[in-house]
């Protein structure tokens, strides 16, 4: 093997034809013979280029609706032969096999076909076989063969050919080979993940794939390297959002913004404006309002201190009035389905404020996987898409919730799903007024949330904390009555919790004694 290998013959077969003609023209101008198949060959010929059909080289026509066209020894022999191995060279000569120095392949659009909700048969037809086989053959033989699977690598390839007088270096071929294997691995991951969902069983082997979207400045801390990879999901969210201004998002920005957008997506815009403010992946304020600016202001009033430097998510397009209000404090990111021109102009005056628009809200009921790495493996589970409706609730106390209490209980329960456990949420009139998150003791979360409400009342000059007359959600059952008693002491009048404790009777009795209404959901929302 030598470092520099001349490029004389290329095989091009692509689904995404972006930049194809320009690449073909550049290769042809260097005297490279072009081999191709199907639509790729037609596109090159339509541009006036001379192209040899692979079927002419193999002696076999494309058949079975194009399923069989490049799976042939003449193709794979031309890719796999070691050019410095006398036996390989002799075999090529004996069987009329010519070396192929470059393969340019991007695969059938399997991920896109799944994303658009295609029927089973159509998805199956978009599983590429010949493409991955050629990619892997070329990548294995990168000592002699270049393989390109991404349009982004067309320009670096041509720059290399220009710099090396029509040759490629081993360093480039090695890098292209790594990219190629990562692409086929991600492609197979997409297929196997889709198949697992169709079968419905827990697969014996599970793989994960992604495409680099952004190299990040650092991870959670400056000494950690980090990057953001997308998984091909097409729905509205952090991966598909448009950033209108501001510096690049950091690791923590992306994590927190995703948490904020997931939470605000729980609130249907048809039911009115809603706002969620997130700090360190936990809500520090969530509210509905008659207007978007009112929803923001009520969310902000839950914990004005923690909101500084936070992430704001809105369930409706950002308007100018809300934009002006938001610029009153330092905010890292605002994410919304859209933004009007005046709002964008107002934000443009804040160079460190990032504005992201998504074109819509996420689907909180959409099935997806949550993955966490642990030492030696991965934990995989369904995303928590659990929801409860009024008819799902069981009233366990002598007093049933009022209509307003019930509405607030359901609101609080929705928020609880997005708060790190142990989670306690106080809500009044469609707005959080106290949030306790991530404590080792549930009663501590209850106290912290109440204390935050007391601090805000003092800061805002209110005569009493807003926990007076509020309701409380607990993401898991109260193991003892102490948490419930603490909530009652803070002024709560009703509670929602999963139930299921050995001491449920004790907790229910304490609620009755305090005159509280309490409902059980039968579902918990641990979030670790």
Protein backbone atom coordinates (compact mmCIF):
# COMPACT_ATOMS: atom_id res chain seq x y z
CA UNK A 1 0.00 0.00 0.00
CA UNK A 2 1.21 3.49 -0.85
CA UNK A 3 0.04 6.70 0.73
CA UNK A 4 -1.12 8.40 -2.46
CA UNK A 5 -3.46 6.45 -4.77
CA UNK A 6 -4.53 7.79 -8.18
CA UNK A 7 -8.27 7.97 -8.82
CA UNK A 8 -9.14 6.51 -12.24
CA UNK A 9 -12.55 4.90 -11.85
CA UNK A 10 -15.54 5.88 -9.71
CA UNK A 11 -18.90 4.26 -9.00
CA UNK A 12 -21.68 6.69 -8.13
CA UNK A 13 -25.10 5.56 -6.88
CA UNK A 14 -27.02 8.05 -4.75
CA UNK A 15 -30.55 8.68 -3.54
CA UNK A 16 -29.83 12.27 -2.52
CA UNK A 17 -28.63 13.89 -5.73
CA UNK A 18 -27.56 17.18 -4.14
CA UNK A 19 -24.25 18.20 -5.70
CA UNK A 20 -24.13 15.03 -7.85
CA UNK A 21 -23.77 16.74 -11.22
CA UNK A 22 -21.05 19.09 -9.98
CA UNK A 23 -19.14 16.16 -8.51
CA UNK A 24 -19.51 14.14 -11.71
CA UNK A 25 -18.31 17.06 -13.80
CA UNK A 26 -15.28 17.59 -11.58
CA UNK A 27 -14.35 13.90 -11.71
CA UNK A 28 -14.86 13.69 -15.48
CA UNK A 29 -12.69 16.78 -15.97
CA UNK A 30 -9.86 14.79 -14.32
CA UNK A 31 -10.38 11.88 -16.68
CA UNK A 32 -12.09 9.65 -14.12
CA UNK A 33 -14.31 6.96 -15.66
CA UNK A 34 -17.82 7.11 -14.24
CA UNK A 35 -19.85 3.98 -13.44
CA UNK A 36 -23.40 4.37 -12.24
CA UNK A 37 -26.88 2.91 -11.84
CA UNK A 38 -30.51 3.85 -12.46
CA UNK A 39 -31.54 7.39 -11.65
CA UNK A 40 -28.01 8.47 -10.81
CA UNK A 41 -26.81 7.49 -14.28
CA UNK A 42 -29.72 9.34 -15.87
CA UNK A 43 -28.99 12.51 -13.91
CA UNK A 44 -25.33 12.43 -14.97
CA UNK A 45 -26.18 11.76 -18.62
CA UNK A 46 -28.76 14.56 -18.60
CA UNK A 47 -25.88 16.83 -17.61
CA UNK A 48 -23.95 15.72 -20.69
CA UNK A 49 -21.55 13.32 -18.96
CA UNK A 50 -20.40 9.97 -20.29
CA UNK A 51 -21.49 7.21 -17.93
CA UNK A 52 -21.08 3.43 -18.03
CA UNK A 53 -23.96 1.44 -16.57
CA UNK A 54 -22.95 -1.06 -13.93
CA UNK A 55 -25.02 -3.64 -15.83
CA UNK A 56 -22.60 -3.28 -18.78
CA UNK A 57 -19.69 -4.08 -16.45
CA UNK A 58 -21.33 -7.03 -14.69
CA UNK A 59 -23.06 -8.48 -17.74
CA UNK A 60 -26.30 -8.67 -15.78
CA UNK A 61 -29.21 -6.25 -16.03
CA UNK A 62 -30.77 -4.60 -13.02
CA UNK A 63 -33.56 -6.90 -11.89
CA UNK A 64 -36.25 -7.46 -9.30
CA UNK A 65 -37.32 -3.82 -9.29
CA UNK A 66 -33.73 -2.70 -8.76
CA UNK A 67 -33.17 -4.93 -5.74
CA UNK A 68 -30.26 -6.59 -7.56
CA UNK A 69 -27.85 -4.43 -9.51
CA UNK A 70 -24.48 -4.00 -7.73
CA UNK A 71 -24.36 -7.30 -5.79
CA UNK A 72 -21.87 -8.91 -8.16
CA UNK A 73 -18.25 -10.17 -7.93
CA UNK A 74 -17.15 -7.77 -10.67
CA UNK A 75 -18.24 -4.84 -8.49
CA UNK A 76 -17.06 -6.15 -5.13
CA UNK A 77 -13.90 -7.65 -6.58
CA UNK A 78 -13.06 -4.22 -7.98
CA UNK A 79 -13.57 -2.76 -4.53
CA UNK A 80 -11.95 -5.41 -2.33
CA UNK A 81 -8.88 -6.38 -4.33
CA UNK A 82 -5.56 -5.51 -2.74
CA UNK A 83 -3.63 -3.76 -5.47
CA UNK A 84 -0.25 -4.79 -4.03
CA UNK A 85 -1.20 -8.48 -3.74
CA UNK A 86 -0.07 -10.48 -6.78
CA UNK A 87 -2.74 -13.16 -6.27
CA UNK A 88 -5.49 -10.54 -6.12
CA UNK A 89 -4.19 -8.80 -9.21
CA UNK A 90 -4.03 -12.13 -11.06
CA UNK A 91 -7.61 -12.96 -10.06
CA UNK A 92 -8.77 -9.58 -11.35
CA UNK A 93 -7.05 -10.20 -14.66
CA UNK A 94 -8.42 -13.74 -14.97
CA UNK A 95 -12.02 -12.70 -14.34
CA UNK A 96 -12.04 -9.39 -16.15
CA UNK A 97 -12.37 -7.29 -13.00
CA UNK A 98 -11.29 -3.65 -13.11
CA UNK A 99 -10.34 -1.75 -9.99
CA UNK A 100 -12.81 0.80 -8.60
CA UNK A 101 -10.99 3.62 -6.80
CA UNK A 102 -13.92 5.65 -5.50
CA UNK A 103 -17.43 4.78 -4.34
CA UNK A 104 -19.97 7.56 -3.81
CA UNK A 105 -23.12 6.18 -2.23
CA UNK A 106 -25.84 7.61 -0.05
CA UNK A 107 -28.51 5.20 0.99
CA UNK A 108 -32.20 4.74 0.33
CA UNK A 109 -34.11 7.24 2.50
CA UNK A 110 -35.18 4.73 5.14
CA UNK A 111 -35.29 7.18 8.05
CA UNK A 112 -37.29 9.71 6.03
CA UNK A 113 -39.72 7.01 4.92
CA UNK A 114 -40.38 5.98 8.52
CA UNK A 115 -40.68 9.61 9.63
CA UNK A 116 -43.45 10.33 7.13
CA UNK A 117 -45.51 7.42 8.47
CA UNK A 118 -45.28 5.16 5.44
CA UNK A 119 -46.94 1.75 5.35
CA UNK A 120 -44.95 -1.34 6.32
CA UNK A 121 -44.35 -2.53 2.73
CA UNK A 122 -43.03 0.86 1.61
CA UNK A 123 -40.67 1.03 4.57
CA UNK A 124 -39.32 -2.43 3.73
CA UNK A 125 -38.64 -1.39 0.13
CA UNK A 126 -36.56 1.50 1.44
CA UNK A 127 -34.10 -0.77 3.22
CA UNK A 128 -30.94 -0.47 1.15
CA UNK A 129 -28.89 -3.65 0.61
CA UNK A 130 -26.49 -3.03 -2.24
CA UNK A 131 -25.50 0.41 -0.98
CA UNK A 132 -24.29 -0.70 2.48
CA UNK A 133 -22.52 -3.70 0.91
CA UNK A 134 -20.52 -1.45 -1.44
CA UNK A 135 -19.81 1.05 1.32
CA UNK A 136 -18.46 -1.62 3.63
CA UNK A 137 -16.35 -3.22 0.89
CA UNK A 138 -14.80 0.10 -0.08
CA UNK A 139 -14.26 1.13 3.54
CA UNK A 140 -12.55 -2.16 4.39
CA UNK A 141 -10.16 -1.63 1.50
CA UNK A 142 -9.45 2.01 2.35
CA UNK A 143 -5.78 1.34 1.81
CA UNK A 144 -6.63 1.74 -1.88
CA UNK A 145 -10.27 2.88 -2.18
CA UNK A 146 -12.01 6.12 -1.21
CA UNK A 147 -15.64 5.96 -0.07
CA UNK A 148 -17.95 8.96 0.26
CA UNK A 149 -21.34 8.67 1.96
CA UNK A 150 -22.11 12.31 2.78
CA UNK A 151 -22.62 15.24 0.43
CA UNK A 152 -20.52 17.28 2.91
CA UNK A 153 -17.46 15.26 1.86
CA UNK A 154 -17.69 16.06 -1.86
CA UNK A 155 -15.76 19.32 -1.46
CA UNK A 156 -12.95 17.88 0.72
CA UNK A 157 -12.52 15.07 -1.82
CA UNK A 158 -12.16 17.48 -4.72
CA UNK A 159 -9.81 19.69 -2.72
CA UNK A 160 -7.64 16.64 -2.06
CA UNK A 161 -7.59 15.67 -5.73
CA UNK A 162 -6.57 19.21 -6.63
CA UNK A 163 -3.83 19.31 -4.00
CA UNK A 164 -2.50 15.81 -4.77
CA UNK A 165 -2.70 15.89 -8.58
CA UNK A 166 -5.63 13.50 -8.89
CA UNK A 167 -4.64 11.25 -5.99
CA UNK A 168 -6.00 10.64 -2.49
CA UNK A 169 -3.99 10.33 0.67
CA UNK A 170 -4.26 7.48 3.16
CA UNK A 171 -5.28 9.96 5.87
CA UNK A 172 -8.30 11.08 3.85
CA UNK A 173 -9.28 7.53 2.88
CA UNK A 174 -9.04 6.41 6.50
CA UNK A 175 -11.23 9.29 7.68
CA UNK A 176 -13.77 8.61 4.94
CA UNK A 177 -13.82 4.92 5.90
CA UNK A 178 -14.60 5.74 9.52
CA UNK A 179 -17.44 8.02 8.41
CA UNK A 180 -18.72 5.27 6.13
CA UNK A 181 -18.85 2.62 8.85
CA UNK A 182 -20.57 5.06 11.20
CA UNK A 183 -23.17 5.73 8.50
CA UNK A 184 -23.95 2.07 7.85
CA UNK A 185 -24.05 1.43 11.60
CA UNK A 186 -26.53 4.28 12.11
CA UNK A 187 -28.56 3.05 9.14
CA UNK A 188 -28.74 -0.48 10.53
CA UNK A 189 -29.65 1.00 13.90
CA UNK A 190 -32.59 2.83 12.34
CA UNK A 191 -33.77 -0.37 10.65
CA UNK A 192 -33.38 -2.56 13.72
CA UNK A 193 -35.06 0.00 15.98
CA UNK A 194 -38.02 0.25 13.61
CA UNK A 195 -38.24 -3.52 13.34
CA UNK A 196 -38.16 -3.86 17.14
CA UNK A 197 -41.16 -1.54 17.35
CA UNK A 198 -43.02 -3.61 14.74
CA UNK A 199 -42.32 -6.88 16.54
CA UNK A 200 -43.10 -5.40 19.93
CA UNK A 201 -40.59 -7.47 21.90
CA UNK A 202 -37.55 -6.36 23.86
CA UNK A 203 -34.76 -7.01 21.36
CA UNK A 204 -31.79 -9.18 22.30
CA UNK A 205 -29.46 -6.52 20.92
CA UNK A 206 -30.07 -2.79 20.94
CA UNK A 207 -28.03 -0.21 19.06
CA UNK A 208 -28.04 3.57 19.01
CA UNK A 209 -27.04 5.90 16.21
CA UNK A 210 -26.83 9.60 15.54
CA UNK A 211 -25.47 12.24 13.21
CA UNK A 212 -23.25 15.04 14.42
CA UNK A 213 -25.21 18.27 14.57
CA UNK A 214 -22.80 20.38 16.59
CA UNK A 215 -19.46 20.12 18.32
CA UNK A 216 -19.98 21.85 21.65
CA UNK A 217 -17.55 24.15 23.44
CA UNK A 218 -17.58 21.75 26.39
CA UNK A 219 -19.95 19.52 28.34
CA UNK A 220 -21.58 20.12 31.72
CA UNK A 221 -18.21 21.49 32.87
CA UNK A 222 -15.31 23.09 30.93
CA UNK A 223 -13.02 20.07 31.36
CA UNK A 224 -15.53 17.76 29.57
CA UNK A 225 -15.64 17.38 25.79
CA UNK A 226 -19.11 17.20 24.27
CA UNK A 227 -21.08 17.09 21.04
CA UNK A 228 -24.74 17.06 19.99
CA UNK A 229 -25.98 14.24 17.75
CA UNK A 230 -29.42 13.99 16.17
CA UNK A 231 -31.31 10.73 15.71
CA UNK A 232 -33.28 11.65 12.60
CA UNK A 233 -36.56 12.39 14.38
CA UNK A 234 -38.49 14.92 12.34
CA UNK A 235 -40.91 16.32 14.94
CA UNK A 236 -40.65 19.82 16.44
CA UNK A 237 -38.00 20.07 19.12
CA UNK A 238 -34.52 21.17 20.04
CA UNK A 239 -32.91 19.11 17.24
CA UNK A 240 -35.00 20.67 14.47
CA UNK A 241 -35.40 24.20 15.83
CA UNK A 242 -34.20 27.30 13.99
CA UNK A 243 -31.86 29.55 15.97
CA UNK A 244 -32.43 33.19 15.09
CA UNK A 245 -29.66 34.87 17.06
CA UNK A 246 -27.11 34.56 19.81
CA UNK A 247 -24.02 32.44 20.32
CA UNK A 248 -24.01 28.68 19.93
CA UNK A 249 -25.99 26.64 22.40
CA UNK A 250 -23.99 24.88 25.08
CA UNK A 251 -24.44 21.35 26.40
CA UNK A 252 -26.42 22.65 29.37
CA UNK A 253 -28.45 24.99 27.14
CA UNK A 254 -29.52 22.10 24.93
CA UNK A 255 -30.38 19.87 27.87
CA UNK A 256 -32.38 22.54 29.67
CA UNK A 257 -34.11 23.81 26.53
CA UNK A 258 -35.22 20.29 25.69
CA UNK A 259 -36.66 19.92 29.20
CA UNK A 260 -38.49 23.24 28.87
CA UNK A 261 -39.94 22.42 25.46
CA UNK A 262 -41.09 18.95 26.56
CA UNK A 263 -42.93 20.50 29.50
CA UNK A 264 -44.63 23.33 27.62
CA UNK A 265 -45.69 20.88 24.90
CA UNK A 266 -48.00 19.30 27.49
CA UNK A 267 -50.23 22.38 27.23
CA UNK A 268 -52.42 22.53 24.11
CA UNK A 269 -52.34 26.04 22.59
CA UNK A 270 -56.08 25.67 21.96
CA UNK A 271 -56.58 25.76 25.73
CA UNK A 272 -54.74 29.05 26.04
CA UNK A 273 -51.21 30.42 26.43
CA UNK A 274 -48.74 28.65 28.70
CA UNK A 275 -45.16 29.30 29.75
CA UNK A 276 -42.51 27.18 31.44
CA UNK A 277 -39.30 28.55 32.92
CA UNK A 278 -36.53 25.99 33.48
CA UNK A 279 -33.33 26.13 35.49
CA UNK A 280 -30.95 23.16 35.61
CA UNK A 281 -33.57 20.93 33.90
CA UNK A 282 -36.17 21.64 36.62
CA UNK A 283 -39.16 23.98 36.31
CA UNK A 284 -38.92 27.06 38.51
CA UNK A 285 -42.23 28.41 37.20
CA UNK A 286 -45.07 27.16 34.99
CA UNK A 287 -48.32 28.98 34.30
CA UNK A 288 -51.27 29.53 32.07
CA UNK A 289 -52.63 32.99 31.33
CA UNK A 290 -55.24 34.87 29.35
CA UNK A 291 -52.37 36.17 27.22
CA UNK A 292 -48.85 34.94 26.59
CA UNK A 293 -47.34 37.82 28.56
CA UNK A 294 -49.62 37.02 31.50
CA UNK A 295 -48.58 33.36 31.38
CA UNK A 296 -44.92 34.41 31.42
CA UNK A 297 -45.42 36.91 34.26
CA UNK A 298 -47.26 34.36 36.42
CA UNK A 299 -44.58 31.72 35.77
CA UNK A 300 -41.88 34.28 36.61
CA UNK A 301 -43.59 35.17 39.89
CA UNK A 302 -43.25 31.59 41.15
CA UNK A 303 -39.49 32.01 41.66
CA UNK A 304 -38.03 35.22 40.31
CA UNK A 305 -34.60 34.45 41.73
CA UNK A 306 -34.17 31.10 39.99
CA UNK A 307 -35.61 32.45 36.72
CA UNK A 308 -32.51 34.63 36.26
CA UNK A 309 -30.38 33.01 33.53
CA UNK A 310 -33.07 30.43 32.84
CA UNK A 311 -34.72 28.90 29.79
CA UNK A 312 -38.21 30.03 28.74
CA UNK A 313 -40.56 27.85 26.69
CA UNK A 314 -43.85 29.09 25.25
CA UNK A 315 -46.68 27.07 23.73
CA UNK A 316 -47.69 29.85 21.31
CA UNK A 317 -45.70 32.11 18.95
CA UNK A 318 -43.76 34.84 20.73
CA UNK A 319 -45.30 38.30 20.40
CA UNK A 320 -43.75 41.73 20.93
CA UNK A 321 -45.36 42.40 24.33
CA UNK A 322 -44.07 39.13 25.76
CA UNK A 323 -40.65 39.71 24.20
CA UNK A 324 -40.36 43.10 25.90
CA UNK A 325 -41.28 41.58 29.26
CA UNK A 326 -38.77 38.76 28.89
CA UNK A 327 -35.92 41.17 28.17
CA UNK A 328 -36.42 42.63 31.63
CA UNK A 329 -34.07 39.99 33.07
CA UNK A 330 -31.16 37.96 31.73
CA UNK A 331 -32.43 34.86 29.94
CA UNK A 332 -30.29 32.24 28.20
CA UNK A 333 -32.77 30.80 25.67
CA UNK A 334 -36.37 31.30 24.56
CA UNK A 335 -38.00 28.50 22.59
CA UNK A 336 -41.44 28.83 20.98
CA UNK A 337 -43.40 27.50 18.00
CA UNK A 338 -42.78 30.81 16.23
CA UNK A 339 -42.15 34.53 16.68
CA UNK A 340 -43.47 37.62 14.95
CA UNK A 341 -41.13 40.08 13.26
CA UNK A 342 -41.40 42.70 16.01
CA UNK A 343 -40.54 40.15 18.70
CA UNK A 344 -37.50 39.03 16.72
CA UNK A 345 -36.41 42.65 16.36
CA UNK A 346 -36.78 43.27 20.11
CA UNK A 347 -34.65 40.21 20.90
CA UNK A 348 -32.03 41.27 18.36
CA UNK A 349 -31.00 43.99 20.81
CA UNK A 350 -29.95 41.29 23.30
CA UNK A 351 -26.92 39.66 21.70
CA UNK A 352 -26.55 36.92 24.33
CA UNK A 353 -30.20 35.86 24.20
CA UNK A 354 -30.88 32.90 21.92
CA UNK A 355 -34.27 32.62 20.22
CA UNK A 356 -35.32 29.24 18.85
CA UNK A 357 -38.47 28.55 16.85
CA UNK A 358 -39.74 25.03 16.21
CA UNK A 359 -42.71 25.39 13.86
CA UNK A 360 -44.97 23.57 16.31
CA UNK A 361 -45.11 21.75 19.62
CA UNK A 362 -43.93 18.28 20.48
CA UNK A 363 -46.35 15.41 20.98
CA UNK A 364 -46.26 14.47 24.69
CA UNK A 365 -47.94 11.15 23.90
CA UNK A 366 -45.46 10.16 21.18
CA UNK A 367 -43.75 6.85 21.88
CA UNK A 368 -39.97 7.12 22.14
CA UNK A 369 -37.08 5.71 24.13
CA UNK A 370 -35.16 7.18 27.03
CA UNK A 371 -31.56 5.98 27.20
CA UNK A 372 -29.05 6.38 30.01
CA UNK A 373 -25.52 5.05 30.09
CA UNK A 374 -24.36 3.24 33.22
CA UNK A 375 -21.06 1.53 33.90
CA UNK A 376 -20.86 -1.38 31.48
CA UNK A 377 -24.12 -0.80 29.66
CA UNK A 378 -27.27 1.17 28.98
CA UNK A 379 -30.62 1.51 30.67
CA UNK A 380 -33.42 1.77 28.11
CA UNK A 381 -37.05 2.52 28.86
CA UNK A 382 -40.13 3.99 27.24
CA UNK A 383 -40.34 7.73 27.60
CA UNK A 384 -42.79 8.73 30.35
CA UNK A 385 -45.84 9.62 28.26
CA UNK A 386 -48.27 8.79 31.05
CA UNK A 387 -51.25 11.09 31.48
CA UNK A 388 -54.32 11.03 33.71
CA UNK A 389 -57.79 12.39 33.07
CA UNK A 390 -60.43 13.38 35.64
CA UNK A 391 -62.16 10.02 35.24
CA UNK A 392 -58.90 8.24 36.13
CA UNK A 393 -58.74 9.87 39.57
CA UNK A 394 -59.98 8.23 42.73
CA UNK A 395 -61.23 10.49 45.50
CA UNK A 396 -60.05 8.91 48.77
CA UNK A 397 -61.05 11.58 51.30
CA UNK A 398 -64.42 12.53 52.71
CA UNK A 399 -64.25 15.83 50.83
CA UNK A 400 -64.01 15.79 47.05
CA UNK A 401 -62.06 18.53 45.25
CA UNK A 402 -63.94 21.54 43.98
CA UNK A 403 -63.99 22.23 40.25
CA UNK A 404 -61.18 24.77 40.60
CA UNK A 405 -59.15 22.47 42.81
CA UNK A 406 -59.55 19.65 40.30
CA UNK A 407 -58.30 21.85 37.45
CA UNK A 408 -55.29 22.90 39.51
CA UNK A 409 -54.60 19.32 40.61
CA UNK A 410 -54.41 18.16 37.01
CA UNK A 411 -52.17 21.13 36.14
CA UNK A 412 -49.89 20.33 39.09
CA UNK A 413 -49.77 16.66 38.11
CA UNK A 414 -48.71 17.58 34.58
CA UNK A 415 -45.88 19.71 35.93
CA UNK A 416 -44.84 17.02 38.43
CA UNK A 417 -43.93 14.68 35.59
CA UNK A 418 -41.17 17.12 34.59
CA UNK A 419 -39.69 17.80 38.03
CA UNK A 420 -36.82 15.72 39.40
CA UNK A 421 -37.90 13.35 42.14
CA UNK A 422 -38.69 13.75 44.95
CA UNK A 423 -41.04 16.32 43.43
CA UNK A 424 -43.60 18.51 45.18
CA UNK A 425 -45.51 21.20 43.29
CA UNK A 426 -47.85 23.81 44.76
CA UNK A 427 -50.31 25.29 42.22
CA UNK A 428 -52.92 28.02 42.48
CA UNK A 429 -55.22 29.23 39.72
CA UNK A 430 -53.25 27.58 36.93
CA UNK A 431 -49.78 28.63 38.03
CA UNK A 432 -47.06 27.05 40.11
CA UNK A 433 -46.45 28.94 43.34
CA UNK A 434 -43.83 26.63 44.83
CA UNK A 435 -41.61 23.87 43.44
CA UNK A 436 -39.53 21.43 45.47
CA UNK A 437 -37.24 19.20 43.40
CA UNK A 438 -34.63 16.51 43.70
CA UNK A 439 -34.57 16.05 47.46
CA UNK A 440 -33.75 12.80 49.19
CA UNK A 441 -36.76 13.26 51.48
CA UNK A 442 -40.26 14.03 50.21
CA UNK A 443 -41.09 16.11 53.26
CA UNK A 444 -37.98 18.23 52.56
CA UNK A 445 -39.26 18.92 49.03
CA UNK A 446 -42.59 19.95 50.58
CA UNK A 447 -40.85 22.34 52.98
CA UNK A 448 -38.52 23.81 50.35
CA UNK A 449 -41.37 24.52 47.94
CA UNK A 450 -43.37 26.22 50.71
CA UNK A 451 -40.33 28.21 51.82
CA UNK A 452 -39.71 29.45 48.28
CA UNK A 453 -43.33 30.65 48.13
CA UNK A 454 -42.86 32.46 51.44
CA UNK A 455 -39.67 34.14 50.17
CA UNK A 456 -41.44 35.28 47.00
CA UNK A 457 -44.36 36.68 48.99
CA UNK A 458 -41.94 38.77 51.04
CA UNK A 459 -40.07 39.93 47.92
CA UNK A 460 -43.31 40.90 46.17
CA UNK A 461 -44.87 42.51 49.23
CA UNK A 462 -47.77 40.08 49.36
CA UNK A 463 -49.74 39.74 52.61
CA UNK A 464 -49.39 35.93 52.52
CA UNK A 465 -47.65 33.26 50.46
CA UNK A 466 -49.54 32.09 47.38
CA UNK A 467 -49.54 28.58 48.81
CA UNK A 468 -52.54 29.74 50.82
CA UNK A 469 -55.47 28.13 49.02
CA UNK A 470 -53.21 26.13 46.68
CA UNK A 471 -53.20 22.46 45.73
CA UNK A 472 -50.22 20.08 45.85
CA UNK A 473 -48.96 17.35 43.55
CA UNK A 474 -46.52 14.67 44.65
CA UNK A 475 -44.84 12.62 41.93
CA UNK A 476 -44.91 9.51 44.16
CA UNK A 477 -46.88 8.47 47.22
CA UNK A 478 -46.48 10.09 50.61
CA UNK A 479 -44.78 7.37 52.70
CA UNK A 480 -45.85 9.14 55.90
CA UNK A 481 -48.36 11.80 56.80
CA UNK A 482 -45.64 14.37 57.58
CA UNK A 483 -45.39 15.68 54.01
CA UNK A 484 -49.14 16.11 53.76
CA UNK A 485 -49.26 17.86 57.14
CA UNK A 486 -46.48 20.22 56.00
CA UNK A 487 -48.44 21.03 52.83
CA UNK A 488 -51.56 21.72 54.86
CA UNK A 489 -49.54 24.00 57.12
CA UNK A 490 -48.47 25.98 54.04
CA UNK A 491 -52.14 26.53 53.18
CA UNK A 492 -52.80 23.74 50.67
CA UNK A 493 -56.41 22.56 50.43
CA UNK A 494 -56.15 19.56 48.11
CA UNK A 495 -53.57 16.99 47.02
CA UNK A 496 -52.92 14.64 44.12
CA UNK A 497 -50.61 11.65 44.48
CA UNK A 498 -50.29 8.11 43.14
CA UNK A 499 -51.23 6.29 46.35
CA UNK A 500 -49.96 2.80 47.06
CA UNK A 501 -48.10 3.34 50.33
CA UNK A 502 -48.36 0.86 53.19
CA UNK A 503 -49.53 3.87 55.21
CA UNK A 504 -52.17 5.18 52.79
CA UNK A 505 -54.81 4.83 55.49
CA UNK A 506 -52.74 6.95 57.86
CA UNK A 507 -52.19 9.61 55.19
CA UNK A 508 -55.89 9.65 54.20
CA UNK A 509 -56.89 10.00 57.86
CA UNK A 510 -54.53 12.96 58.24
CA UNK A 511 -56.06 14.57 55.15
CA UNK A 512 -59.58 14.11 56.51
CA UNK A 513 -58.57 15.55 59.87
CA UNK A 514 -57.14 18.62 58.12
CA UNK A 515 -60.20 19.01 55.89
CA UNK A 516 -58.20 18.36 52.73
CA UNK A 517 -59.43 16.79 49.52
CA UNK A 518 -57.13 14.14 48.07
CA UNK A 519 -57.17 12.06 44.90
CA UNK A 520 -55.07 9.07 43.85
CA UNK A 521 -53.83 8.67 40.29
CA UNK A 522 -52.58 5.09 40.44
CA UNK A 523 -49.58 6.32 38.40
CA UNK A 524 -46.29 7.77 39.57
CA UNK A 525 -43.84 10.06 37.75
CA UNK A 526 -40.35 9.39 39.10
CA UNK A 527 -37.79 11.44 37.16
CA UNK A 528 -34.19 10.79 38.07
